[in-house]
Amino acid sequence: MTDVQREDHVELVSAKPLSDGILIDDDDNVYVTAMEQSALVRIDNAAARATGLTQEKRSTNGLTLMAQNDRLMRWPDGLSFGPDGDVYMTASAFHLFKTHGTSEKANSALGPYHILRVKV
């Protein structure tokens, strides 16, 4: 396969916030963490966005803020669906390690770290 052929396999779906975690539901909605906003965002109907919109329209239109909490979602990270259909998220404080270090004492001081449920 040539470089051009490989490039043709990549398709822009949507703009998104700076994120760490990603999750896709059965309705082709994509959930991403939004680290700078301490939030969870849903990109509505991502498959249709990829095939039905011009690149100019694949902006932040269609993004839905699902949850935001500066205290609990300091660094939203991993995502998973639970058996109840809700989104479960891990949250930590990686952005603070630079100033506090990564020692066991610093990790304890930056905690607690959380597992959160977001009802969807």
N, C-alpha and C. Protein backbone atom coordinates (compact mmCIF):
# COMPACT_ATOMS: atom_id res chain seq x y z
N MET A 1 0.85 -1.17 0.00
CA MET A 1 0.00 0.00 0.00
C MET A 1 0.90 1.24 0.00
N THR A 2 0.54 2.21 -0.79
CA THR A 2 1.32 3.45 -0.88
C THR A 2 0.90 4.41 0.24
N ASP A 3 1.70 5.45 0.44
CA ASP A 3 1.37 6.47 1.43
C ASP A 3 0.02 7.12 1.12
N VAL A 4 -0.23 7.40 -0.14
CA VAL A 4 -1.49 8.03 -0.54
C VAL A 4 -2.66 7.10 -0.25
N GLN A 5 -2.50 5.82 -0.53
CA GLN A 5 -3.57 4.86 -0.24
C GLN A 5 -3.85 4.78 1.27
N ARG A 6 -2.79 4.83 2.07
CA ARG A 6 -2.98 4.81 3.52
C ARG A 6 -3.70 6.08 3.98
N GLU A 7 -3.35 7.22 3.41
CA GLU A 7 -4.01 8.48 3.78
C GLU A 7 -5.49 8.44 3.43
N ASP A 8 -5.84 7.76 2.35
CA ASP A 8 -7.24 7.68 1.94
C ASP A 8 -8.09 6.87 2.92
N HIS A 9 -7.47 6.10 3.80
CA HIS A 9 -8.19 5.32 4.79
C HIS A 9 -8.57 6.15 6.03
N VAL A 10 -8.08 7.37 6.10
CA VAL A 10 -8.34 8.23 7.26
C VAL A 10 -9.39 9.26 6.88
N GLU A 11 -10.39 9.40 7.74
CA GLU A 11 -11.48 10.32 7.46
C GLU A 11 -11.75 11.18 8.70
N LEU A 12 -11.85 12.47 8.51
CA LEU A 12 -12.19 13.39 9.60
C LEU A 12 -13.65 13.20 9.97
N VAL A 13 -13.92 12.98 11.26
CA VAL A 13 -15.28 12.80 11.73
C VAL A 13 -15.79 14.06 12.41
N SER A 14 -15.00 14.64 13.31
CA SER A 14 -15.49 15.78 14.07
C SER A 14 -14.34 16.48 14.76
N ALA A 15 -14.54 17.73 15.07
CA ALA A 15 -13.67 18.42 16.01
C ALA A 15 -14.01 17.89 17.40
N LYS A 16 -13.10 18.06 18.35
CA LYS A 16 -13.33 17.59 19.71
C LYS A 16 -12.48 18.42 20.66
N PRO A 17 -12.80 18.39 21.93
CA PRO A 17 -11.93 19.06 22.91
C PRO A 17 -10.67 18.24 23.16
N LEU A 18 -9.69 18.82 23.83
CA LEU A 18 -8.52 18.08 24.27
C LEU A 18 -9.01 16.96 25.17
N SER A 19 -8.69 15.71 24.81
CA SER A 19 -9.29 14.59 25.54
C SER A 19 -8.29 13.48 25.78
N ASP A 20 -8.69 12.58 26.66
CA ASP A 20 -7.87 11.42 27.00
C ASP A 20 -8.66 10.14 26.77
N GLY A 21 -9.93 10.11 27.14
CA GLY A 21 -10.74 8.92 27.01
C GLY A 21 -11.74 9.03 25.88
N ILE A 22 -12.10 7.86 25.29
CA ILE A 22 -13.09 7.82 24.21
C ILE A 22 -13.94 6.57 24.36
N LEU A 23 -15.22 6.68 23.96
CA LEU A 23 -16.18 5.60 24.08
C LEU A 23 -17.24 5.81 23.01
N ILE A 24 -17.73 4.73 22.39
CA ILE A 24 -18.74 4.83 21.34
C ILE A 24 -19.93 3.97 21.73
N ASP A 25 -21.14 4.53 21.60
CA ASP A 25 -22.34 3.76 21.94
C ASP A 25 -22.95 3.12 20.70
N ASP A 26 -24.04 2.37 20.88
CA ASP A 26 -24.68 1.65 19.77
C ASP A 26 -25.36 2.57 18.77
N ASP A 27 -25.56 3.84 19.12
CA ASP A 27 -26.18 4.81 18.22
C ASP A 27 -25.14 5.68 17.50
N ASP A 28 -23.87 5.26 17.54
CA ASP A 28 -22.76 5.97 16.89
C ASP A 28 -22.47 7.33 17.51
N ASN A 29 -22.87 7.54 18.76
CA ASN A 29 -22.45 8.73 19.48
C ASN A 29 -21.08 8.43 20.08
N VAL A 30 -20.20 9.40 20.02
CA VAL A 30 -18.86 9.25 20.57
C VAL A 30 -18.76 10.12 21.81
N TYR A 31 -18.32 9.52 22.91
CA TYR A 31 -18.11 10.24 24.16
C TYR A 31 -16.62 10.46 24.34
N VAL A 32 -16.22 11.68 24.63
CA VAL A 32 -14.81 11.96 24.90
C VAL A 32 -14.72 12.79 26.17
N THR A 33 -13.62 12.59 26.89
CA THR A 33 -13.36 13.45 28.03
C THR A 33 -12.92 14.82 27.51
N ALA A 34 -13.13 15.82 28.30
CA ALA A 34 -12.69 17.18 27.96
C ALA A 34 -11.87 17.67 29.14
N MET A 35 -10.56 17.44 29.07
CA MET A 35 -9.68 17.68 30.22
C MET A 35 -9.66 19.14 30.65
N GLU A 36 -9.60 20.05 29.70
CA GLU A 36 -9.49 21.47 30.05
C GLU A 36 -10.78 22.02 30.67
N GLN A 37 -11.89 21.36 30.39
CA GLN A 37 -13.18 21.80 30.93
C GLN A 37 -13.64 20.93 32.10
N SER A 38 -12.86 19.91 32.48
CA SER A 38 -13.26 18.97 33.53
C SER A 38 -14.65 18.41 33.21
N ALA A 39 -14.77 17.82 32.02
CA ALA A 39 -16.10 17.48 31.53
C ALA A 39 -16.10 16.20 30.69
N LEU A 40 -17.33 15.74 30.40
CA LEU A 40 -17.59 14.67 29.45
C LEU A 40 -18.44 15.27 28.34
N VAL A 41 -18.05 15.02 27.09
CA VAL A 41 -18.74 15.57 25.92
C VAL A 41 -19.19 14.43 25.04
N ARG A 42 -20.40 14.56 24.46
CA ARG A 42 -20.89 13.58 23.48
C ARG A 42 -20.89 14.22 22.10
N ILE A 43 -20.30 13.51 21.14
CA ILE A 43 -20.35 13.93 19.74
C ILE A 43 -21.49 13.14 19.12
N ASP A 44 -22.57 13.83 18.81
CA ASP A 44 -23.79 13.18 18.37
C ASP A 44 -23.66 12.54 16.99
N ASN A 45 -24.08 11.29 16.88
CA ASN A 45 -24.20 10.56 15.62
C ASN A 45 -22.95 10.70 14.74
N ALA A 46 -21.84 10.24 15.25
CA ALA A 46 -20.55 10.45 14.60
C ALA A 46 -20.46 9.81 13.22
N ALA A 47 -21.06 8.65 13.01
CA ALA A 47 -20.98 8.00 11.70
C ALA A 47 -21.65 8.84 10.62
N ALA A 48 -22.81 9.40 10.94
CA ALA A 48 -23.50 10.26 9.96
C ALA A 48 -22.73 11.54 9.73
N ARG A 49 -22.10 12.05 10.78
CA ARG A 49 -21.29 13.27 10.62
C ARG A 49 -20.15 13.01 9.65
N ALA A 50 -19.57 11.83 9.73
CA ALA A 50 -18.41 11.52 8.89
C ALA A 50 -18.81 11.43 7.42
N THR A 51 -19.99 10.88 7.14
CA THR A 51 -20.37 10.67 5.75
C THR A 51 -21.27 11.76 5.19
N GLY A 52 -21.96 12.50 6.07
CA GLY A 52 -22.97 13.42 5.59
C GLY A 52 -22.61 14.89 5.63
N LEU A 53 -21.47 15.23 6.17
CA LEU A 53 -21.13 16.64 6.32
C LEU A 53 -19.83 16.96 5.59
N THR A 54 -19.76 18.15 5.07
CA THR A 54 -18.50 18.60 4.50
C THR A 54 -17.53 18.88 5.62
N GLN A 55 -16.25 18.93 5.32
CA GLN A 55 -15.26 19.18 6.36
C GLN A 55 -15.50 20.50 7.07
N GLU A 56 -16.01 21.49 6.36
CA GLU A 56 -16.26 22.79 6.98
C GLU A 56 -17.33 22.70 8.06
N LYS A 57 -18.27 21.74 7.93
CA LYS A 57 -19.36 21.60 8.88
C LYS A 57 -18.99 20.69 10.06
N ARG A 58 -17.87 20.00 9.99
CA ARG A 58 -17.48 19.09 11.06
C ARG A 58 -16.73 19.84 12.15
N SER A 59 -17.40 20.82 12.68
CA SER A 59 -16.82 21.67 13.71
C SER A 59 -17.32 21.19 15.06
N THR A 60 -17.45 22.07 16.01
CA THR A 60 -17.96 21.69 17.32
C THR A 60 -19.48 21.64 17.34
N ASN A 61 -20.15 21.89 16.21
CA ASN A 61 -21.60 21.70 16.14
C ASN A 61 -21.89 20.23 16.39
N GLY A 62 -22.92 19.95 17.17
CA GLY A 62 -23.27 18.56 17.45
C GLY A 62 -22.59 18.00 18.68
N LEU A 63 -21.80 18.81 19.38
CA LEU A 63 -21.18 18.36 20.63
C LEU A 63 -22.09 18.76 21.79
N THR A 64 -22.35 17.79 22.65
CA THR A 64 -23.22 18.01 23.80
C THR A 64 -22.43 17.84 25.08
N LEU A 65 -22.47 18.83 25.95
CA LEU A 65 -21.84 18.74 27.26
C LEU A 65 -22.71 17.84 28.13
N MET A 66 -22.18 16.68 28.53
CA MET A 66 -22.95 15.70 29.30
C MET A 66 -22.79 15.91 30.81
N ALA A 67 -21.60 16.30 31.23
CA ALA A 67 -21.34 16.49 32.66
C ALA A 67 -20.10 17.35 32.81
N GLN A 68 -20.06 18.13 33.89
CA GLN A 68 -18.90 18.98 34.17
C GLN A 68 -18.83 19.19 35.67
N ASN A 69 -17.62 18.98 36.23
CA ASN A 69 -17.45 19.15 37.66
C ASN A 69 -15.96 19.39 37.93
N ASP A 70 -15.60 20.62 38.22
CA ASP A 70 -14.19 20.98 38.42
C ASP A 70 -13.55 20.24 39.59
N ARG A 71 -14.31 19.91 40.61
CA ARG A 71 -13.76 19.26 41.79
C ARG A 71 -13.57 17.75 41.57
N LEU A 72 -14.57 17.07 41.02
CA LEU A 72 -14.49 15.61 40.86
C LEU A 72 -13.83 15.17 39.57
N MET A 73 -13.92 15.97 38.52
CA MET A 73 -13.41 15.59 37.21
C MET A 73 -12.17 16.42 36.87
N ARG A 74 -11.21 16.44 37.78
CA ARG A 74 -10.02 17.27 37.58
C ARG A 74 -9.26 16.87 36.32
N TRP A 75 -9.14 15.59 36.06
CA TRP A 75 -8.49 15.09 34.84
C TRP A 75 -9.30 13.87 34.41
N PRO A 76 -10.41 14.07 33.69
CA PRO A 76 -11.21 12.93 33.26
C PRO A 76 -10.42 12.06 32.29
N ASP A 77 -10.48 10.75 32.50
CA ASP A 77 -9.56 9.87 31.78
C ASP A 77 -10.32 8.72 31.12
N GLY A 78 -10.26 7.54 31.70
CA GLY A 78 -10.83 6.35 31.09
C GLY A 78 -12.35 6.34 31.15
N LEU A 79 -12.98 5.76 30.11
CA LEU A 79 -14.43 5.68 30.01
C LEU A 79 -14.86 4.24 29.73
N SER A 80 -16.02 3.88 30.28
CA SER A 80 -16.61 2.57 30.01
C SER A 80 -18.11 2.64 30.27
N PHE A 81 -18.88 1.84 29.50
CA PHE A 81 -20.29 1.71 29.82
C PHE A 81 -20.44 0.68 30.92
N GLY A 82 -21.32 0.95 31.87
CA GLY A 82 -21.64 0.00 32.92
C GLY A 82 -22.83 -0.84 32.49
N PRO A 83 -23.15 -1.87 33.26
CA PRO A 83 -24.29 -2.73 32.93
C PRO A 83 -25.62 -1.98 32.96
N ASP A 84 -25.65 -0.82 33.62
CA ASP A 84 -26.85 0.01 33.68
C ASP A 84 -26.97 0.96 32.49
N GLY A 85 -25.97 0.96 31.58
CA GLY A 85 -25.99 1.84 30.42
C GLY A 85 -25.39 3.21 30.66
N ASP A 86 -25.04 3.51 31.90
CA ASP A 86 -24.42 4.79 32.21
C ASP A 86 -22.93 4.74 31.89
N VAL A 87 -22.32 5.91 31.77
CA VAL A 87 -20.89 6.01 31.50
C VAL A 87 -20.15 6.10 32.83
N TYR A 88 -19.14 5.25 32.98
CA TYR A 88 -18.27 5.30 34.16
C TYR A 88 -16.94 5.87 33.72
N MET A 89 -16.38 6.72 34.56
CA MET A 89 -15.17 7.46 34.21
C MET A 89 -14.18 7.42 35.36
N THR A 90 -12.91 7.27 35.02
CA THR A 90 -11.87 7.47 36.03
C THR A 90 -11.41 8.91 35.94
N ALA A 91 -11.04 9.45 37.09
CA ALA A 91 -10.54 10.82 37.13
C ALA A 91 -9.34 10.87 38.07
N SER A 92 -8.33 11.59 37.66
CA SER A 92 -7.11 11.71 38.47
C SER A 92 -6.66 13.16 38.49
N ALA A 93 -5.37 13.37 38.62
CA ALA A 93 -4.84 14.74 38.70
C ALA A 93 -3.47 14.82 38.03
N PHE A 94 -3.34 14.21 36.85
CA PHE A 94 -2.04 14.18 36.16
C PHE A 94 -1.46 15.57 35.95
N HIS A 95 -2.32 16.54 35.70
CA HIS A 95 -1.85 17.90 35.43
C HIS A 95 -1.15 18.53 36.63
N LEU A 96 -1.35 17.98 37.82
CA LEU A 96 -0.72 18.52 39.01
C LEU A 96 0.60 17.83 39.35
N PHE A 97 0.91 16.73 38.70
CA PHE A 97 2.14 16.00 39.00
C PHE A 97 3.39 16.82 38.73
N LYS A 98 3.33 17.69 37.73
CA LYS A 98 4.52 18.48 37.39
C LYS A 98 4.94 19.37 38.56
N THR A 99 3.98 19.92 39.27
CA THR A 99 4.31 20.81 40.38
C THR A 99 4.46 20.07 41.71
N HIS A 100 3.83 18.91 41.84
CA HIS A 100 3.86 18.18 43.10
C HIS A 100 4.75 16.94 43.08
N GLY A 101 5.17 16.51 41.90
CA GLY A 101 5.98 15.30 41.79
C GLY A 101 5.11 14.05 41.76
N THR A 102 5.77 12.91 41.63
CA THR A 102 5.04 11.65 41.51
C THR A 102 5.38 10.67 42.64
N SER A 103 5.89 11.16 43.73
CA SER A 103 6.20 10.29 44.86
C SER A 103 4.90 9.78 45.49
N GLU A 104 5.01 8.74 46.29
CA GLU A 104 3.83 8.20 46.97
C GLU A 104 3.18 9.27 47.84
N LYS A 105 4.00 10.06 48.50
CA LYS A 105 3.48 11.14 49.36
C LYS A 105 2.72 12.18 48.52
N ALA A 106 3.29 12.56 47.38
CA ALA A 106 2.63 13.54 46.51
C ALA A 106 1.34 12.96 45.95
N ASN A 107 1.37 11.68 45.54
CA ASN A 107 0.15 11.06 45.01
C ASN A 107 -0.97 11.06 46.05
N SER A 108 -0.63 10.77 47.28
CA SER A 108 -1.63 10.78 48.35
C SER A 108 -2.17 12.19 48.57
N ALA A 109 -1.29 13.17 48.53
CA ALA A 109 -1.70 14.55 48.76
C ALA A 109 -2.61 15.07 47.66
N LEU A 110 -2.44 14.58 46.42
CA LEU A 110 -3.25 15.05 45.31
C LEU A 110 -4.61 14.37 45.26
N GLY A 111 -4.74 13.23 45.91
CA GLY A 111 -5.99 12.48 45.89
C GLY A 111 -7.07 13.19 46.70
N PRO A 112 -8.22 12.61 46.82
CA PRO A 112 -8.55 11.28 46.32
C PRO A 112 -8.82 11.31 44.83
N TYR A 113 -8.62 10.15 44.22
CA TYR A 113 -8.95 9.96 42.80
C TYR A 113 -10.29 9.25 42.75
N HIS A 114 -11.00 9.40 41.65
CA HIS A 114 -12.39 8.96 41.65
C HIS A 114 -12.74 8.05 40.48
N ILE A 115 -13.75 7.23 40.72
CA ILE A 115 -14.52 6.58 39.66
C ILE A 115 -15.89 7.24 39.72
N LEU A 116 -16.33 7.77 38.61
CA LEU A 116 -17.57 8.54 38.57
C LEU A 116 -18.57 7.89 37.63
N ARG A 117 -19.85 8.08 37.91
CA ARG A 117 -20.90 7.61 37.01
C ARG A 117 -21.62 8.83 36.45
N VAL A 118 -21.79 8.84 35.12
CA VAL A 118 -22.53 9.90 34.46
C VAL A 118 -23.76 9.23 33.83
N LYS A 119 -24.93 9.64 34.24
CA LYS A 119 -26.15 9.07 33.69
C LYS A 119 -26.37 9.60 32.28
N VAL A 120 -26.57 8.70 31.35
CA VAL A 120 -26.77 9.11 29.95
C VAL A 120 -28.13 8.68 29.44
